[in-house]
Amino acid sequence: MTFTMAPAEIMSSPSTCHRRQQALLAWSEFAVTGCVRHPYCRRAKAVFKELELKKDPYVVKLDQREDGGEIQYALSDMVGKRTVPQVFIRGKHLGGSDDTVDAYESGELAKLLNISVKDDL
């Protein structure tokens, strides 16, 4: 399935919350759902900054949306967790903050994003 709408259009479309969330996550190269001040959300977003990507992840700020609770409920149906953050790469669920950090440290995140990273040597 190919999505032609931008993330903002997807999130404001009249379809159900669950369908909007699925469309967004499939459309985005990488997305983070979470809350602005939550420490684990900040930790997951920091991983993407560390990679010095050409673009930032699309972040769904659940605590700043009127339908944030609905989206979080839809996420729990999709991935079996209500915790934040939840990270998606090319429509596939990577996991939460710990999973994102582990994938970064092992080099798996760079592979998923098709990027090369500098060695720490």
Protein backbone atom coordinates (compact mmCIF):
# COMPACT_ATOMS: atom_id res chain seq x y z
CA MET A 1 0.00 0.00 0.00
CA THR A 2 1.37 3.42 -0.94
CA PHE A 3 0.46 6.55 0.97
CA THR A 4 0.53 9.91 -0.77
CA MET A 5 -0.54 12.16 2.09
CA ALA A 6 1.96 13.97 4.29
CA PRO A 7 1.98 13.10 8.03
CA ALA A 8 -0.04 16.20 9.02
CA GLU A 9 -2.73 15.34 6.45
CA ILE A 10 -2.85 11.73 7.62
CA MET A 11 -3.30 12.75 11.26
CA SER A 12 -6.13 15.15 10.41
CA SER A 13 -7.94 12.81 8.02
CA PRO A 14 -11.46 11.74 8.99
CA SER A 15 -10.62 8.02 9.14
CA THR A 16 -10.54 6.18 12.45
CA CYS A 17 -7.69 6.82 14.85
CA HIS A 18 -6.30 3.31 14.37
CA ARG A 19 -6.26 3.65 10.58
CA ARG A 20 -4.65 7.10 10.81
CA GLN A 21 -1.92 5.73 13.05
CA GLN A 22 -1.24 2.77 10.74
CA ALA A 23 -1.09 5.05 7.71
CA LEU A 24 1.27 7.46 9.42
CA LEU A 25 3.63 4.75 10.57
CA ALA A 26 3.69 3.11 7.15
CA TRP A 27 4.23 6.45 5.38
CA SER A 28 6.99 7.76 7.63
CA GLU A 29 10.56 6.61 7.18
CA PHE A 30 10.83 6.63 10.95
CA ALA A 31 8.45 7.80 13.62
CA VAL A 32 8.38 8.11 17.39
CA THR A 33 5.17 8.23 19.40
CA GLY A 34 5.52 9.69 22.84
CA CYS A 35 5.22 12.62 25.18
CA VAL A 36 7.27 15.80 25.12
CA ARG A 37 8.62 15.71 28.67
CA HIS A 38 8.86 11.96 29.18
CA PRO A 39 12.52 10.99 29.84
CA TYR A 40 12.36 7.77 27.81
CA CYS A 41 10.90 9.65 24.85
CA ARG A 42 13.71 12.19 25.02
CA ARG A 43 16.19 9.32 25.21
CA ALA A 44 14.81 7.66 22.06
CA LYS A 45 14.79 10.95 20.14
CA ALA A 46 18.39 11.61 21.25
CA VAL A 47 19.47 8.40 19.50
CA PHE A 48 18.24 9.78 16.19
CA LYS A 49 20.08 13.06 16.82
CA GLU A 50 23.24 11.09 17.54
CA LEU A 51 22.97 9.48 14.10
CA GLU A 52 23.02 12.97 12.51
CA LEU A 53 20.28 12.06 10.05
CA LYS A 54 19.31 14.39 7.23
CA LYS A 55 15.81 14.62 8.62
CA ASP A 56 14.28 14.31 12.05
CA PRO A 57 11.91 11.50 12.95
CA TYR A 58 8.24 12.31 12.73
CA VAL A 59 7.17 12.62 16.36
CA VAL A 60 3.56 12.13 17.41
CA LYS A 61 3.31 14.13 20.64
CA LEU A 62 0.53 12.27 22.38
CA ASP A 63 0.37 14.68 25.31
CA GLN A 64 -0.19 17.64 22.98
CA ARG A 65 -2.99 16.14 20.91
CA GLU A 66 -6.67 16.11 21.70
CA ASP A 67 -6.82 12.51 20.42
CA GLY A 68 -3.55 11.46 22.11
CA GLY A 69 -5.33 8.96 24.36
CA GLU A 70 -7.09 7.40 21.38
CA ILE A 71 -3.81 7.11 19.50
CA GLN A 72 -2.15 5.50 22.51
CA TYR A 73 -5.04 3.05 22.77
CA ALA A 74 -4.72 2.26 19.04
CA LEU A 75 -0.99 1.71 19.54
CA SER A 76 -1.68 -0.77 22.30
CA ASP A 77 -3.84 -2.73 19.86
CA MET A 78 -1.08 -2.60 17.23
CA VAL A 79 1.97 -3.45 19.34
CA GLY A 80 0.56 -4.74 22.62
CA LYS A 81 2.00 -1.88 24.69
CA ARG A 82 0.66 1.43 25.97
CA THR A 83 4.05 2.69 27.13
CA VAL A 84 5.90 5.52 25.43
CA PRO A 85 7.85 5.93 23.34
CA GLN A 86 7.14 3.44 20.59
CA VAL A 87 9.47 3.68 17.61
CA PHE A 88 8.67 2.61 14.06
CA ILE A 89 11.08 2.30 11.14
CA ARG A 90 9.52 2.11 7.67
CA GLY A 91 6.22 0.98 9.13
CA LYS A 92 7.72 -1.76 11.31
CA HIS A 93 7.69 -1.58 15.08
CA LEU A 94 11.19 -1.36 16.56
CA GLY A 95 10.12 -1.08 20.19
CA GLY A 96 10.53 1.36 23.03
CA SER A 97 13.40 3.41 24.33
CA ASP A 98 15.57 0.49 25.47
CA ASP A 99 15.01 -1.32 22.18
CA THR A 100 15.98 1.80 20.24
CA VAL A 101 19.16 2.32 22.25
CA ASP A 102 20.07 -1.38 21.93
CA ALA A 103 19.51 -1.23 18.15
CA TYR A 104 21.67 1.89 17.95
CA GLU A 105 24.50 0.38 19.98
CA SER A 106 24.49 -2.88 18.01
CA GLY A 107 24.44 -1.07 14.64
CA GLU A 108 21.04 -2.56 13.78
CA LEU A 109 19.35 0.86 13.74
CA ALA A 110 21.82 2.15 11.15
CA LYS A 111 21.10 -0.93 9.01
CA LEU A 112 17.35 -0.40 9.30
CA LEU A 113 17.79 3.23 8.21
CA ASN A 114 20.25 2.28 5.44
CA ILE A 115 22.94 4.60 6.74
CA SER A 116 26.59 4.18 7.57
CA VAL A 117 27.91 5.30 10.92
CA LYS A 118 31.37 6.36 11.97
CA ASP A 119 33.31 4.01 14.23
CA ASP A 120 34.16 5.29 17.66
CA LEU A 121 37.85 4.53 17.04
